[in-house]
C-alpha atoms as a PDB file:
ATOM      1  CA  GLY A   1      61.579   0.263 -59.574  1.00  0.00           C
ATOM      2  CA  GLY A   2      59.561   1.048 -56.512  1.00  0.00           C
ATOM      3  CA  LEU A   3      60.462   1.742 -52.926  1.00  0.00           C
ATOM      4  CA  LYS A   4      63.049  -0.397 -51.185  1.00  0.00           C
ATOM      5  CA  ALA A   5      63.889  -0.953 -47.532  1.00  0.00           C
ATOM      6  CA  GLY A   6      66.021   1.922 -46.289  1.00  0.00           C
ATOM      7  CA  ASP A   7      64.654   4.487 -48.757  1.00  0.00           C
ATOM      8  CA  ILE A   8      63.977   7.898 -47.233  1.00  0.00           C
ATOM      9  CA  VAL A   9      60.971   9.707 -48.712  1.00  0.00           C
ATOM     10  CA  THR A  10      61.580  13.465 -48.520  1.00  0.00           C
ATOM     11  CA  HIS A  11      58.753  14.832 -50.703  1.00  0.00           C
ATOM     12  CA  VAL A  12      55.378  13.665 -52.024  1.00  0.00           C
ATOM     13  CA  ASN A  13      54.191  15.479 -55.155  1.00  0.00           C
ATOM     14  CA  GLY A  14      56.765  18.169 -54.430  1.00  0.00           C
ATOM     15  CA  GLU A  15      55.551  18.774 -50.876  1.00  0.00           C
ATOM     16  CA  PRO A  16      58.014  18.178 -48.015  1.00  0.00           C
ATOM     17  CA  VAL A  17      57.215  15.191 -45.814  1.00  0.00           C
ATOM     18  CA  VAL A  18      56.943  16.214 -42.174  1.00  0.00           C
ATOM     19  CA  SER A  19      55.432  13.007 -40.766  1.00  0.00           C
ATOM     20  CA  ALA A  20      54.203   9.580 -41.808  1.00  0.00           C
ATOM     21  CA  SER A  21      50.598  10.771 -41.554  1.00  0.00           C
ATOM     22  CA  ASN A  22      51.509  13.406 -44.158  1.00  0.00           C
ATOM     23  CA  ILE A  23      52.334  10.599 -46.621  1.00  0.00           C
ATOM     24  CA  TYR A  24      49.197   8.590 -45.828  1.00  0.00           C
ATOM     25  CA  LYS A  25      46.981  11.631 -46.392  1.00  0.00           C
ATOM     26  CA  VAL A  26      48.379  12.130 -49.909  1.00  0.00           C
ATOM     27  CA  LEU A  27      48.119   8.418 -50.698  1.00  0.00           C
ATOM     28  CA  GLU A  28      44.376   8.497 -49.931  1.00  0.00           C
ATOM     29  CA  ASN A  29      43.862  10.459 -53.150  1.00  0.00           C
ATOM     30  CA  PRO A  30      43.350   8.451 -56.346  1.00  0.00           C
ATOM     31  CA  GLY A  31      46.012   8.456 -59.035  1.00  0.00           C
ATOM     32  CA  ALA A  32      49.773   8.317 -59.204  1.00  0.00           C
ATOM     33  CA  VAL A  33      52.073  10.246 -56.894  1.00  0.00           C
ATOM     34  CA  ILE A  34      55.663  11.357 -57.360  1.00  0.00           C
ATOM     35  CA  LEU A  35      57.947  10.512 -54.443  1.00  0.00           C
ATOM     36  CA  THR A  36      61.332  12.170 -53.983  1.00  0.00           C
ATOM     37  CA  VAL A  37      63.549   9.543 -52.378  1.00  0.00           C
ATOM     38  CA  ILE A  38      67.068   9.337 -50.967  1.00  0.00           C
ATOM     39  CA  ARG A  39      68.665   5.922 -51.505  1.00  0.00           C
ATOM     40  CA  GLU A  40      72.337   5.283 -50.767  1.00  0.00           C
ATOM     41  CA  SER A  41      73.165   9.035 -50.849  1.00  0.00           C
ATOM     42  CA  GLN A  42      71.437   9.530 -54.210  1.00  0.00           C
ATOM     43  CA  VAL A  43      68.262  11.556 -54.699  1.00  0.00           C
ATOM     44  CA  PHE A  44      65.737  10.541 -57.327  1.00  0.00           C
ATOM     45  CA  GLN A  45      62.023  10.565 -58.063  1.00  0.00           C
ATOM     46  CA  LEU A  46      59.661   7.616 -58.294  1.00  0.00           C
ATOM     47  CA  ARG A  47      56.215   7.611 -59.856  1.00  0.00           C
ATOM     48  CA  VAL A  48      54.002   5.360 -57.752  1.00  0.00           C
ATOM     49  CA  GLU A  49      50.710   4.029 -59.109  1.00  0.00           C
ATOM     50  CA  PRO A  50      48.079   2.797 -56.640  1.00  0.00           C
ATOM     51  CA  GLU A  51      47.183  -0.884 -56.807  1.00  0.00           C
ATOM     52  CA  ASP A  52      43.621  -2.141 -56.661  1.00  0.00           C
ATOM     53  CA  ALA A  53      42.881  -3.676 -53.275  1.00  0.00           C
END
């Protein structure tokens, strides 16, 4: 699983992505996020857990 090169993230936690800063703002919050992704013409959702730095 996880994101791969070429994936297009369209939504984060159900909210449309309008810019990269939009994604970074959501990722600042603790806990998992749900990404809606387009990969090779298929749409699916990924649950992404933050890693400890």
